[in-house]
Amino acid sequence: MSDSKIRRKFKSLSVTLSTTTAGSTTLRWDDVAGGTLLMGTVATNATSIQLWASDSTAGAFGRLYDSAGSVADITLAASTTEARVYALPDAAYGVGALKLVAGQAAGTAATCIVTLKT
């Protein structure tokens, strides 16, 4: 008997970060089991990326909280000349759509890519 090979599928999407939900890319999240956010070179005063969730891409978005009642934000490292990859929080599992919103108005990154695990 041969060993089974488990393969995970991934898809990568370029995203726009904005300080508003209206300006941020909407990610369809209903067929996703998790993901990461790749931030390119960061020169910013922003300290976090907020996660906003909805039951659908056309629904009303609300701030995402974890099971302990805390906001499910991504805390950014200080400005860097190296790309950084941040895991999207487990609290995002099970929502229909997700938006990543910059916590402050300063420029956030030249390149932002979300990799989704399906």
PDB file of N, CA and C in Angstrom:
ATOM      1  N   MET A   1       0.853  -1.159   0.000  1.00  0.00           N
ATOM      2  CA  MET A   1       0.000   0.000   0.000  1.00  0.00           C
ATOM      3  C   MET A   1       0.908   1.234   0.000  1.00  0.00           C
ATOM      4  N   SER A   2       0.596   2.195  -0.859  1.00  0.00           N
ATOM      5  CA  SER A   2       1.404   3.413  -0.932  1.00  0.00           C
ATOM      6  C   SER A   2       0.861   4.471   0.034  1.00  0.00           C
ATOM      7  N   ASP A   3       1.739   5.361   0.407  1.00  0.00           N
ATOM      8  CA  ASP A   3       1.333   6.458   1.283  1.00  0.00           C
ATOM      9  C   ASP A   3       0.470   7.447   0.520  1.00  0.00           C
ATOM     10  N   SER A   4      -0.539   7.935   1.166  1.00  0.00           N
ATOM     11  CA  SER A   4      -1.391   8.951   0.561  1.00  0.00           C
ATOM     12  C   SER A   4      -0.661  10.286   0.573  1.00  0.00           C
ATOM     13  N   LYS A   5      -0.852  11.039  -0.480  1.00  0.00           N
ATOM     14  CA  LYS A   5      -0.278  12.377  -0.542  1.00  0.00           C
ATOM     15  C   LYS A   5      -1.391  13.384  -0.330  1.00  0.00           C
ATOM     16  N   ILE A   6      -1.187  14.228   0.633  1.00  0.00           N
ATOM     17  CA  ILE A   6      -2.148  15.282   0.904  1.00  0.00           C
ATOM     18  C   ILE A   6      -1.627  16.548   0.260  1.00  0.00           C
ATOM     19  N   ARG A   7      -2.441  17.120  -0.580  1.00  0.00           N
ATOM     20  CA  ARG A   7      -2.043  18.351  -1.252  1.00  0.00           C
ATOM     21  C   ARG A   7      -2.998  19.454  -0.872  1.00  0.00           C
ATOM     22  N   ARG A   8      -2.420  20.567  -0.507  1.00  0.00           N
ATOM     23  CA  ARG A   8      -3.225  21.745  -0.228  1.00  0.00           C
ATOM     24  C   ARG A   8      -3.167  22.637  -1.451  1.00  0.00           C
ATOM     25  N   LYS A   9      -4.275  23.229  -1.770  1.00  0.00           N
ATOM     26  CA  LYS A   9      -4.321  24.157  -2.885  1.00  0.00           C
ATOM     27  C   LYS A   9      -4.209  25.574  -2.353  1.00  0.00           C
ATOM     28  N   PHE A  10      -3.520  26.394  -3.103  1.00  0.00           N
ATOM     29  CA  PHE A  10      -3.333  27.789  -2.730  1.00  0.00           C
ATOM     30  C   PHE A  10      -3.704  28.672  -3.893  1.00  0.00           C
ATOM     31  N   LYS A  11      -4.153  29.860  -3.604  1.00  0.00           N
ATOM     32  CA  LYS A  11      -4.323  30.876  -4.625  1.00  0.00           C
ATOM     33  C   LYS A  11      -3.857  32.195  -4.040  1.00  0.00           C
ATOM     34  N   SER A  12      -3.166  32.985  -4.855  1.00  0.00           N
ATOM     35  CA  SER A  12      -2.646  34.269  -4.400  1.00  0.00           C
ATOM     36  C   SER A  12      -3.355  35.392  -5.121  1.00  0.00           C
ATOM     37  N   LEU A  13      -3.688  36.432  -4.374  1.00  0.00           N
ATOM     38  CA  LEU A  13      -4.395  37.587  -4.911  1.00  0.00           C
ATOM     39  C   LEU A  13      -3.696  38.865  -4.483  1.00  0.00           C
ATOM     40  N   SER A  14      -3.532  39.798  -5.402  1.00  0.00           N
ATOM     41  CA  SER A  14      -3.060  41.126  -5.033  1.00  0.00           C
ATOM     42  C   SER A  14      -4.208  41.863  -4.373  1.00  0.00           C
ATOM     43  N   VAL A  15      -3.927  42.582  -3.296  1.00  0.00           N
ATOM     44  CA  VAL A  15      -4.974  43.313  -2.593  1.00  0.00           C
ATOM     45  C   VAL A  15      -4.581  44.773  -2.436  1.00  0.00           C
ATOM     46  N   THR A  16      -5.600  45.603  -2.347  1.00  0.00           N
ATOM     47  CA  THR A  16      -5.420  47.021  -2.057  1.00  0.00           C
ATOM     48  C   THR A  16      -5.797  47.259  -0.614  1.00  0.00           C
ATOM     49  N   LEU A  17      -4.878  47.852   0.132  1.00  0.00           N
ATOM     50  CA  LEU A  17      -5.171  48.233   1.512  1.00  0.00           C
ATOM     51  C   LEU A  17      -5.565  49.694   1.528  1.00  0.00           C
ATOM     52  N   SER A  18      -6.585  50.000   2.265  1.00  0.00           N
ATOM     53  CA  SER A  18      -7.057  51.365   2.417  1.00  0.00           C
ATOM     54  C   SER A  18      -7.397  51.566   3.887  1.00  0.00           C
ATOM     55  N   THR A  19      -7.616  52.802   4.284  1.00  0.00           N
ATOM     56  CA  THR A  19      -8.030  53.066   5.654  1.00  0.00           C
ATOM     57  C   THR A  19      -9.538  52.956   5.821  1.00  0.00           C
ATOM     58  N   THR A  20     -10.244  52.611   4.726  1.00  0.00           N
ATOM     59  CA  THR A  20     -11.696  52.431   4.779  1.00  0.00           C
ATOM     60  C   THR A  20     -12.057  51.074   4.204  1.00  0.00           C
ATOM     61  N   THR A  21     -13.176  50.533   4.629  1.00  0.00           N
ATOM     62  CA  THR A  21     -13.621  49.267   4.049  1.00  0.00           C
ATOM     63  C   THR A  21     -13.995  49.453   2.584  1.00  0.00           C
ATOM     64  N   ALA A  22     -14.538  50.618   2.223  1.00  0.00           N
ATOM     65  CA  ALA A  22     -14.942  50.867   0.833  1.00  0.00           C
ATOM     66  C   ALA A  22     -13.748  50.841  -0.121  1.00  0.00           C
ATOM     67  N   GLY A  23     -12.581  51.261   0.342  1.00  0.00           N
ATOM     68  CA  GLY A  23     -11.404  51.307  -0.516  1.00  0.00           C
ATOM     69  C   GLY A  23     -10.567  50.045  -0.505  1.00  0.00           C
ATOM     70  N   SER A  24     -10.885  49.101   0.365  1.00  0.00           N
ATOM     71  CA  SER A  24     -10.111  47.865   0.494  1.00  0.00           C
ATOM     72  C   SER A  24     -10.689  46.754  -0.371  1.00  0.00           C
ATOM     73  N   THR A  25      -9.824  45.880  -0.821  1.00  0.00           N
ATOM     74  CA  THR A  25     -10.235  44.738  -1.640  1.00  0.00           C
ATOM     75  C   THR A  25     -11.125  43.797  -0.835  1.00  0.00           C
ATOM     76  N   THR A  26     -12.212  43.326  -1.445  1.00  0.00           N
ATOM     77  CA  THR A  26     -13.079  42.334  -0.821  1.00  0.00           C
ATOM     78  C   THR A  26     -12.589  40.951  -1.214  1.00  0.00           C
ATOM     79  N   LEU A  27     -12.346  40.109  -0.226  1.00  0.00           N
ATOM     80  CA  LEU A  27     -11.901  38.738  -0.464  1.00  0.00           C
ATOM     81  C   LEU A  27     -13.056  37.777  -0.207  1.00  0.00           C
ATOM     82  N   ARG A  28     -13.387  36.974  -1.190  1.00  0.00           N
ATOM     83  CA  ARG A  28     -14.382  35.917  -0.975  1.00  0.00           C
ATOM     84  C   ARG A  28     -13.719  34.865  -0.094  1.00  0.00           C
ATOM     85  N   TRP A  29     -14.325  34.554   1.026  1.00  0.00           N
ATOM     86  CA  TRP A  29     -13.690  33.747   2.055  1.00  0.00           C
ATOM     87  C   TRP A  29     -14.455  32.463   2.357  1.00  0.00           C
ATOM     88  N   ASP A  30     -15.573  32.217   1.661  1.00  0.00           N
ATOM     89  CA  ASP A  30     -16.415  31.064   2.001  1.00  0.00           C
ATOM     90  C   ASP A  30     -15.821  29.720   1.610  1.00  0.00           C
ATOM     91  N   ASP A  31     -14.804  29.703   0.756  1.00  0.00           N
ATOM     92  CA  ASP A  31     -14.181  28.435   0.379  1.00  0.00           C
ATOM     93  C   ASP A  31     -12.721  28.382   0.818  1.00  0.00           C
ATOM     94  N   VAL A  32     -12.385  29.128   1.869  1.00  0.00           N
ATOM     95  CA  VAL A  32     -11.006  29.262   2.316  1.00  0.00           C
ATOM     96  C   VAL A  32     -10.853  28.729   3.738  1.00  0.00           C
ATOM     97  N   ALA A  33      -9.742  28.033   3.980  1.00  0.00           N
ATOM     98  CA  ALA A  33      -9.479  27.480   5.305  1.00  0.00           C
ATOM     99  C   ALA A  33      -8.464  28.296   6.097  1.00  0.00           C
ATOM    100  N   GLY A  34      -7.866  29.281   5.486  1.00  0.00           N
ATOM    101  CA  GLY A  34      -6.869  30.110   6.158  1.00  0.00           C
ATOM    102  C   GLY A  34      -6.048  30.849   5.127  1.00  0.00           C
ATOM    103  N   GLY A  35      -5.107  31.646   5.587  1.00  0.00           N
ATOM    104  CA  GLY A  35      -4.296  32.372   4.629  1.00  0.00           C
ATOM    105  C   GLY A  35      -3.222  33.209   5.286  1.00  0.00           C
ATOM    106  N   THR A  36      -2.446  33.882   4.438  1.00  0.00           N
ATOM    107  CA  THR A  36      -1.377  34.756   4.892  1.00  0.00           C
ATOM    108  C   THR A  36      -1.429  36.060   4.122  1.00  0.00           C
ATOM    109  N   LEU A  37      -0.827  37.082   4.698  1.00  0.00           N
ATOM    110  CA  LEU A  37      -0.702  38.386   4.065  1.00  0.00           C
ATOM    111  C   LEU A  37       0.778  38.666   3.882  1.00  0.00           C
ATOM    112  N   LEU A  38       1.203  38.817   2.626  1.00  0.00           N
ATOM    113  CA  LEU A  38       2.585  39.172   2.311  1.00  0.00           C
ATOM    114  C   LEU A  38       2.658  40.670   2.138  1.00  0.00           C
ATOM    115  N   MET A  39       3.445  41.316   2.975  1.00  0.00           N
ATOM    116  CA  MET A  39       3.657  42.755   2.892  1.00  0.00           C
ATOM    117  C   MET A  39       5.060  42.969   2.342  1.00  0.00           C
ATOM    118  N   GLY A  40       5.163  43.757   1.293  1.00  0.00           N
ATOM    119  CA  GLY A  40       6.470  44.075   0.724  1.00  0.00           C
ATOM    120  C   GLY A  40       7.219  45.022   1.644  1.00  0.00           C
ATOM    121  N   THR A  41       8.170  45.748   1.105  1.00  0.00           N
ATOM    122  CA  THR A  41       8.917  46.728   1.889  1.00  0.00           C
ATOM    123  C   THR A  41       7.945  47.693   2.546  1.00  0.00           C
ATOM    124  N   VAL A  42       8.039  47.838   3.842  1.00  0.00           N
ATOM    125  CA  VAL A  42       7.080  48.645   4.588  1.00  0.00           C
ATOM    126  C   VAL A  42       7.767  49.874   5.174  1.00  0.00           C
ATOM    127  N   ALA A  43       7.280  51.022   4.811  1.00  0.00           N
ATOM    128  CA  ALA A  43       7.717  52.272   5.415  1.00  0.00           C
ATOM    129  C   ALA A  43       6.448  52.971   5.869  1.00  0.00           C
ATOM    130  N   THR A  44       6.082  52.778   7.102  1.00  0.00           N
ATOM    131  CA  THR A  44       4.766  53.202   7.553  1.00  0.00           C
ATOM    132  C   THR A  44       4.745  53.506   9.043  1.00  0.00           C
ATOM    133  N   ASN A  45       3.781  54.309   9.425  1.00  0.00           N
ATOM    134  CA  ASN A  45       3.488  54.512  10.833  1.00  0.00           C
ATOM    135  C   ASN A  45       2.336  53.619  11.277  1.00  0.00           C
ATOM    136  N   ALA A  46       1.746  52.895  10.318  1.00  0.00           N
ATOM    137  CA  ALA A  46       0.630  52.013  10.657  1.00  0.00           C
ATOM    138  C   ALA A  46       1.115  50.924  11.599  1.00  0.00           C
ATOM    139  N   THR A  47       0.302  50.557  12.538  1.00  0.00           N
ATOM    140  CA  THR A  47       0.681  49.539  13.511  1.00  0.00           C
ATOM    141  C   THR A  47      -0.115  48.257  13.370  1.00  0.00           C
ATOM    142  N   SER A  48      -1.194  48.297  12.590  1.00  0.00           N
ATOM    143  CA  SER A  48      -2.024  47.102  12.478  1.00  0.00           C
ATOM    144  C   SER A  48      -2.812  47.093  11.174  1.00  0.00           C
ATOM    145  N   ILE A  49      -3.252  45.894  10.833  1.00  0.00           N
ATOM    146  CA  ILE A  49      -4.209  45.692   9.747  1.00  0.00           C
ATOM    147  C   ILE A  49      -5.475  45.173  10.413  1.00  0.00           C
ATOM    148  N   GLN A  50      -6.567  45.878  10.225  1.00  0.00           N
ATOM    149  CA  GLN A  50      -7.844  45.463  10.797  1.00  0.00           C
ATOM    150  C   GLN A  50      -8.515  44.469   9.860  1.00  0.00           C
ATOM    151  N   LEU A  51      -9.225  43.505  10.417  1.00  0.00           N
ATOM    152  CA  LEU A  51     -10.016  42.570   9.634  1.00  0.00           C
ATOM    153  C   LEU A  51     -11.485  42.886   9.816  1.00  0.00           C
ATOM    154  N   TRP A  52     -12.181  43.025   8.699  1.00  0.00           N
ATOM    155  CA  TRP A  52     -13.614  43.281   8.679  1.00  0.00           C
ATOM    156  C   TRP A  52     -14.263  42.109   7.951  1.00  0.00           C
ATOM    157  N   ALA A  53     -15.377  41.621   8.462  1.00  0.00           N
ATOM    158  CA  ALA A  53     -15.999  40.414   7.921  1.00  0.00           C
ATOM    159  C   ALA A  53     -17.471  40.628   7.607  1.00  0.00           C
ATOM    160  N   SER A  54     -17.965  39.768   6.710  1.00  0.00           N
ATOM    161  CA  SER A  54     -19.372  39.777   6.335  1.00  0.00           C
ATOM    162  C   SER A  54     -19.783  38.354   5.983  1.00  0.00           C
ATOM    163  N   ASP A  55     -21.090  38.140   5.868  1.00  0.00           N
ATOM    164  CA  ASP A  55     -21.569  36.823   5.442  1.00  0.00           C
ATOM    165  C   ASP A  55     -21.469  36.646   3.934  1.00  0.00           C
ATOM    166  N   SER A  56     -21.301  37.749   3.182  1.00  0.00           N
ATOM    167  CA  SER A  56     -21.174  37.670   1.723  1.00  0.00           C
ATOM    168  C   SER A  56     -20.382  38.871   1.225  1.00  0.00           C
ATOM    169  N   THR A  57     -19.929  38.827  -0.015  1.00  0.00           N
ATOM    170  CA  THR A  57     -19.144  39.928  -0.571  1.00  0.00           C
ATOM    171  C   THR A  57     -19.974  41.201  -0.705  1.00  0.00           C
ATOM    172  N   ALA A  58     -21.291  41.081  -0.801  1.00  0.00           N
ATOM    173  CA  ALA A  58     -22.158  42.248  -0.946  1.00  0.00           C
ATOM    174  C   ALA A  58     -22.807  42.663   0.375  1.00  0.00           C
ATOM    175  N   GLY A  59     -22.489  41.958   1.463  1.00  0.00           N
ATOM    176  CA  GLY A  59     -23.126  42.232   2.746  1.00  0.00           C
ATOM    177  C   GLY A  59     -22.496  43.398   3.487  1.00  0.00           C
ATOM    178  N   ALA A  60     -23.080  43.720   4.626  1.00  0.00           N
ATOM    179  CA  ALA A  60     -22.533  44.758   5.501  1.00  0.00           C
ATOM    180  C   ALA A  60     -21.341  44.168   6.253  1.00  0.00           C
ATOM    181  N   PHE A  61     -20.250  44.932   6.334  1.00  0.00           N
ATOM    182  CA  PHE A  61     -19.034  44.463   6.994  1.00  0.00           C
ATOM    183  C   PHE A  61     -18.946  45.017   8.402  1.00  0.00           C
ATOM    184  N   GLY A  62     -18.524  44.164   9.329  1.00  0.00           N
ATOM    185  CA  GLY A  62     -18.300  44.560  10.713  1.00  0.00           C
ATOM    186  C   GLY A  62     -16.912  44.141  11.149  1.00  0.00           C
ATOM    187  N   ARG A  63     -16.392  44.794  12.139  1.00  0.00           N
ATOM    188  CA  ARG A  63     -15.057  44.488  12.656  1.00  0.00           C
ATOM    189  C   ARG A  63     -15.037  43.065  13.190  1.00  0.00           C
ATOM    190  N   LEU A  64     -13.998  42.309  12.884  1.00  0.00           N
ATOM    191  CA  LEU A  64     -13.876  40.910  13.294  1.00  0.00           C
ATOM    192  C   LEU A  64     -13.229  40.830  14.684  1.00  0.00           C
ATOM    193  N   TYR A  65     -13.855  40.056  15.564  1.00  0.00           N
ATOM    194  CA  TYR A  65     -13.356  39.824  16.917  1.00  0.00           C
ATOM    195  C   TYR A  65     -13.092  38.340  17.116  1.00  0.00           C
ATOM    196  N   ASP A  66     -12.157  38.009  17.992  1.00  0.00           N
ATOM    197  CA  ASP A  66     -11.884  36.604  18.276  1.00  0.00           C
ATOM    198  C   ASP A  66     -12.816  36.107  19.386  1.00  0.00           C
ATOM    199  N   SER A  67     -12.656  34.853  19.783  1.00  0.00           N
ATOM    200  CA  SER A  67     -13.562  34.253  20.764  1.00  0.00           C
ATOM    201  C   SER A  67     -13.401  34.848  22.169  1.00  0.00           C
ATOM    202  N   ALA A  68     -12.295  35.536  22.422  1.00  0.00           N
ATOM    203  CA  ALA A  68     -12.078  36.175  23.725  1.00  0.00           C
ATOM    204  C   ALA A  68     -12.629  37.595  23.758  1.00  0.00           C
ATOM    205  N   GLY A  69     -13.179  38.061  22.628  1.00  0.00           N
ATOM    206  CA  GLY A  69     -13.747  39.397  22.575  1.00  0.00           C
ATOM    207  C   GLY A  69     -12.763  40.489  22.193  1.00  0.00           C
ATOM    208  N   SER A  70     -11.576  40.105  21.740  1.00  0.00           N
ATOM    209  CA  SER A  70     -10.566  41.076  21.304  1.00  0.00           C
ATOM    210  C   SER A  70     -10.608  41.215  19.784  1.00  0.00           C
ATOM    211  N   VAL A  71     -10.248  42.413  19.299  1.00  0.00           N
ATOM    212  CA  VAL A  71     -10.216  42.585  17.845  1.00  0.00           C
ATOM    213  C   VAL A  71      -9.198  41.622  17.250  1.00  0.00           C
ATOM    214  N   ALA A  72      -9.533  41.067  16.090  1.00  0.00           N
ATOM    215  CA  ALA A  72      -8.671  40.093  15.417  1.00  0.00           C
ATOM    216  C   ALA A  72      -7.798  40.809  14.388  1.00  0.00           C
ATOM    217  N   ASP A  73      -6.997  41.758  14.875  1.00  0.00           N
ATOM    218  CA  ASP A  73      -6.124  42.538  13.997  1.00  0.00           C
ATOM    219  C   ASP A  73      -4.792  41.826  13.792  1.00  0.00           C
ATOM    220  N   ILE A  74      -4.083  42.237  12.747  1.00  0.00           N
ATOM    221  CA  ILE A  74      -2.715  41.789  12.513  1.00  0.00           C
ATOM    222  C   ILE A  74      -1.803  42.923  12.965  1.00  0.00           C
ATOM    223  N   THR A  75      -0.941  42.659  13.928  1.00  0.00           N
ATOM    224  CA  THR A  75      -0.003  43.670  14.402  1.00  0.00           C
ATOM    225  C   THR A  75       1.220  43.674  13.498  1.00  0.00           C
ATOM    226  N   LEU A  76       1.521  44.833  12.932  1.00  0.00           N
ATOM    227  CA  LEU A  76       2.639  44.950  12.006  1.00  0.00           C
ATOM    228  C   LEU A  76       3.946  45.220  12.738  1.00  0.00           C
ATOM    229  N   ALA A  77       5.020  44.690  12.195  1.00  0.00           N
ATOM    230  CA  ALA A  77       6.351  45.021  12.693  1.00  0.00           C
ATOM    231  C   ALA A  77       6.678  46.435  12.242  1.00  0.00           C
ATOM    232  N   ALA A  78       7.686  47.018  12.848  1.00  0.00           N
ATOM    233  CA  ALA A  78       8.113  48.367  12.453  1.00  0.00           C
ATOM    234  C   ALA A  78       8.575  48.371  10.997  1.00  0.00           C
ATOM    235  N   SER A  79       8.748  49.554  10.433  1.00  0.00           N
ATOM    236  CA  SER A  79       9.205  49.689   9.051  1.00  0.00           C
ATOM    237  C   SER A  79      10.400  48.778   8.797  1.00  0.00           C
ATOM    238  N   THR A  80      10.416  48.185   7.609  1.00  0.00           N
ATOM    239  CA  THR A  80      11.461  47.231   7.284  1.00  0.00           C
ATOM    240  C   THR A  80      11.781  47.273   5.802  1.00  0.00           C
ATOM    241  N   THR A  81      12.976  46.854   5.465  1.00  0.00           N
ATOM    242  CA  THR A  81      13.357  46.755   4.050  1.00  0.00           C
ATOM    243  C   THR A  81      13.178  45.330   3.545  1.00  0.00           C
ATOM    244  N   GLU A  82      12.690  44.448   4.393  1.00  0.00           N
ATOM    245  CA  GLU A  82      12.441  43.060   4.009  1.00  0.00           C
ATOM    246  C   GLU A  82      10.937  42.798   3.943  1.00  0.00           C
ATOM    247  N   ALA A  83      10.539  41.939   3.036  1.00  0.00           N
ATOM    248  CA  ALA A  83       9.136  41.520   2.985  1.00  0.00           C
ATOM    249  C   ALA A  83       8.830  40.695   4.237  1.00  0.00           C
ATOM    250  N   ARG A  84       7.597  40.804   4.709  1.00  0.00           N
ATOM    251  CA  ARG A  84       7.152  40.023   5.868  1.00  0.00           C
ATOM    252  C   ARG A  84       5.842  39.334   5.522  1.00  0.00           C
ATOM    253  N   VAL A  85       5.660  38.139   6.068  1.00  0.00           N
ATOM    254  CA  VAL A  85       4.434  37.375   5.852  1.00  0.00           C
ATOM    255  C   VAL A  85       3.746  37.209   7.204  1.00  0.00           C
ATOM    256  N   TYR A  86       2.470  37.587   7.250  1.00  0.00           N
ATOM    257  CA  TYR A  86       1.684  37.511   8.479  1.00  0.00           C
ATOM    258  C   TYR A  86       0.550  36.497   8.285  1.00  0.00           C
ATOM    259  N   ALA A  87       0.345  35.636   9.266  1.00  0.00           N
ATOM    260  CA  ALA A  87      -0.772  34.691   9.216  1.00  0.00           C
ATOM    261  C   ALA A  87      -2.073  35.433   9.479  1.00  0.00           C
ATOM    262  N   LEU A  88      -3.101  35.117   8.706  1.00  0.00           N
ATOM    263  CA  LEU A  88      -4.426  35.673   8.985  1.00  0.00           C
ATOM    264  C   LEU A  88      -5.002  34.911  10.174  1.00  0.00           C
ATOM    265  N   PRO A  89      -5.634  35.604  11.107  1.00  0.00           N
ATOM    266  CA  PRO A  89      -6.082  34.962  12.351  1.00  0.00           C
ATOM    267  C   PRO A  89      -7.149  33.891  12.135  1.00  0.00           C
ATOM    268  N   ASP A  90      -7.144  32.926  13.036  1.00  0.00           N
ATOM    269  CA  ASP A  90      -8.131  31.841  12.991  1.00  0.00           C
ATOM    270  C   ASP A  90      -9.564  32.345  13.098  1.00  0.00           C
ATOM    271  N   ALA A  91      -9.765  33.503  13.701  1.00  0.00           N
ATOM    272  CA  ALA A  91     -11.111  34.061  13.835  1.00  0.00           C
ATOM    273  C   ALA A  91     -11.762  34.291  12.472  1.00  0.00           C
ATOM    274  N   ALA A  92     -10.961  34.403  11.418  1.00  0.00           N
ATOM    275  CA  ALA A  92     -11.500  34.639  10.076  1.00  0.00           C
ATOM    276  C   ALA A  92     -12.131  33.376   9.474  1.00  0.00           C
ATOM    277  N   TYR A  93     -11.829  32.211  10.038  1.00  0.00           N
ATOM    278  CA  TYR A  93     -12.381  30.973   9.499  1.00  0.00           C
ATOM    279  C   TYR A  93     -13.903  30.982   9.653  1.00  0.00           C
ATOM    280  N   GLY A  94     -14.594  30.686   8.588  1.00  0.00           N
ATOM    281  CA  GLY A  94     -16.045  30.580   8.655  1.00  0.00           C
ATOM    282  C   GLY A  94     -16.803  31.810   8.215  1.00  0.00           C
ATOM    283  N   VAL A  95     -16.117  32.916   7.904  1.00  0.00           N
ATOM    284  CA  VAL A  95     -16.843  34.086   7.412  1.00  0.00           C
ATOM    285  C   VAL A  95     -17.011  33.974   5.903  1.00  0.00           C
ATOM    286  N   GLY A  96     -17.955  34.709   5.345  1.00  0.00           N
ATOM    287  CA  GLY A  96     -18.208  34.644   3.902  1.00  0.00           C
ATOM    288  C   GLY A  96     -17.307  35.544   3.078  1.00  0.00           C
ATOM    289  N   ALA A  97     -16.929  36.689   3.650  1.00  0.00           N
ATOM    290  CA  ALA A  97     -16.081  37.647   2.944  1.00  0.00           C
ATOM    291  C   ALA A  97     -15.247  38.401   3.970  1.00  0.00           C
ATOM    292  N   LEU A  98     -14.095  38.888   3.520  1.00  0.00           N
ATOM    293  CA  LEU A  98     -13.149  39.539   4.414  1.00  0.00           C
ATOM    294  C   LEU A  98     -12.551  40.752   3.727  1.00  0.00           C
ATOM    295  N   LYS A  99     -12.286  41.798   4.495  1.00  0.00           N
ATOM    296  CA  LYS A  99     -11.569  42.977   4.016  1.00  0.00           C
ATOM    297  C   LYS A  99     -10.431  43.251   4.983  1.00  0.00           C
ATOM    298  N   LEU A 100      -9.273  43.610   4.435  1.00  0.00           N
ATOM    299  CA  LEU A 100      -8.119  44.000   5.230  1.00  0.00           C
ATOM    300  C   LEU A 100      -8.012  45.516   5.144  1.00  0.00           C
ATOM    301  N   VAL A 101      -8.044  46.184   6.289  1.00  0.00           N
ATOM    302  CA  VAL A 101      -8.092  47.641   6.327  1.00  0.00           C
ATOM    303  C   VAL A 101      -6.889  48.159   7.105  1.00  0.00           C
ATOM    304  N   ALA A 102      -6.160  49.113   6.508  1.00  0.00           N
ATOM    305  CA  ALA A 102      -4.995  49.696   7.173  1.00  0.00           C
ATOM    306  C   ALA A 102      -5.438  50.473   8.401  1.00  0.00           C
ATOM    307  N   GLY A 103      -4.738  50.291   9.513  1.00  0.00           N
ATOM    308  CA  GLY A 103      -5.110  50.933  10.761  1.00  0.00           C
ATOM    309  C   GLY A 103      -4.831  52.426  10.807  1.00  0.00           C
ATOM    310  N   GLN A 104      -3.929  52.936   9.952  1.00  0.00           N
ATOM    311  CA  GLN A 104      -3.606  54.355   9.926  1.00  0.00           C
ATOM    312  C   GLN A 104      -3.450  54.812   8.485  1.00  0.00           C
ATOM    313  N   ALA A 105      -3.469  56.109   8.283  1.00  0.00           N
ATOM    314  CA  ALA A 105      -3.462  56.670   6.934  1.00  0.00           C
ATOM    315  C   ALA A 105      -2.109  56.622   6.238  1.00  0.00           C
ATOM    316  N   ALA A 106      -1.030  56.387   6.958  1.00  0.00           N
ATOM    317  CA  ALA A 106       0.287  56.355   6.319  1.00  0.00           C
ATOM    318  C   ALA A 106       0.349  55.222   5.313  1.00  0.00           C
ATOM    319  N   GLY A 107       1.146  55.385   4.252  1.00  0.00           N
ATOM    320  CA  GLY A 107       1.281  54.332   3.252  1.00  0.00           C
ATOM    321  C   GLY A 107       1.654  53.021   3.904  1.00  0.00           C
ATOM    322  N   THR A 108       1.052  51.955   3.482  1.00  0.00           N
ATOM    323  CA  THR A 108       1.246  50.698   4.179  1.00  0.00           C
ATOM    324  C   THR A 108       2.278  49.801   3.521  1.00  0.00           C
ATOM    325  N   ALA A 109       2.222  49.618   2.210  1.00  0.00           N
ATOM    326  CA  ALA A 109       3.201  48.745   1.558  1.00  0.00           C
ATOM    327  C   ALA A 109       3.108  48.914   0.060  1.00  0.00           C
ATOM    328  N   ALA A 110       4.195  48.679  -0.613  1.00  0.00           N
ATOM    329  CA  ALA A 110       4.201  48.753  -2.074  1.00  0.00           C
ATOM    330  C   ALA A 110       3.460  47.566  -2.666  1.00  0.00           C
ATOM    331  N   THR A 111       3.607  46.393  -2.065  1.00  0.00           N
ATOM    332  CA  THR A 111       2.988  45.189  -2.578  1.00  0.00           C
ATOM    333  C   THR A 111       2.321  44.428  -1.446  1.00  0.00           C
ATOM    334  N   CYS A 112       1.061  44.082  -1.619  1.00  0.00           N
ATOM    335  CA  CYS A 112       0.340  43.270  -0.637  1.00  0.00           C
ATOM    336  C   CYS A 112      -0.301  42.110  -1.380  1.00  0.00           C
ATOM    337  N   ILE A 113       0.023  40.918  -0.969  1.00  0.00           N
ATOM    338  CA  ILE A 113      -0.533  39.723  -1.595  1.00  0.00           C
ATOM    339  C   ILE A 113      -1.115  38.839  -0.501  1.00  0.00           C
ATOM    340  N   VAL A 114      -2.326  38.380  -0.695  1.00  0.00           N
ATOM    341  CA  VAL A 114      -2.937  37.430   0.213  1.00  0.00           C
ATOM    342  C   VAL A 114      -2.889  36.059  -0.449  1.00  0.00           C
ATOM    343  N   THR A 115      -2.364  35.073   0.278  1.00  0.00           N
ATOM    344  CA  THR A 115      -2.356  33.693  -0.191  1.00  0.00           C
ATOM    345  C   THR A 115      -3.420  32.949   0.599  1.00  0.00           C
ATOM    346  N   LEU A 116      -4.349  32.343  -0.116  1.00  0.00           N
ATOM    347  CA  LEU A 116      -5.477  31.659   0.511  1.00  0.00           C
ATOM    348  C   LEU A 116      -5.285  30.155   0.429  1.00  0.00           C
ATOM    349  N   LYS A 117      -5.500  29.466   1.530  1.00  0.00           N
ATOM    350  CA  LYS A 117      -5.405  28.005   1.581  1.00  0.00           C
ATOM    351  C   LYS A 117      -6.808  27.444   1.425  1.00  0.00           C
ATOM    352  N   THR A 118      -7.003  26.640   0.393  1.00  0.00           N
ATOM    353  CA  THR A 118      -8.329  26.066   0.159  1.00  0.00           C
ATOM    354  C   THR A 118      -8.322  24.581   0.410  1.00  0.00           C
TER     355      THR A 118
END
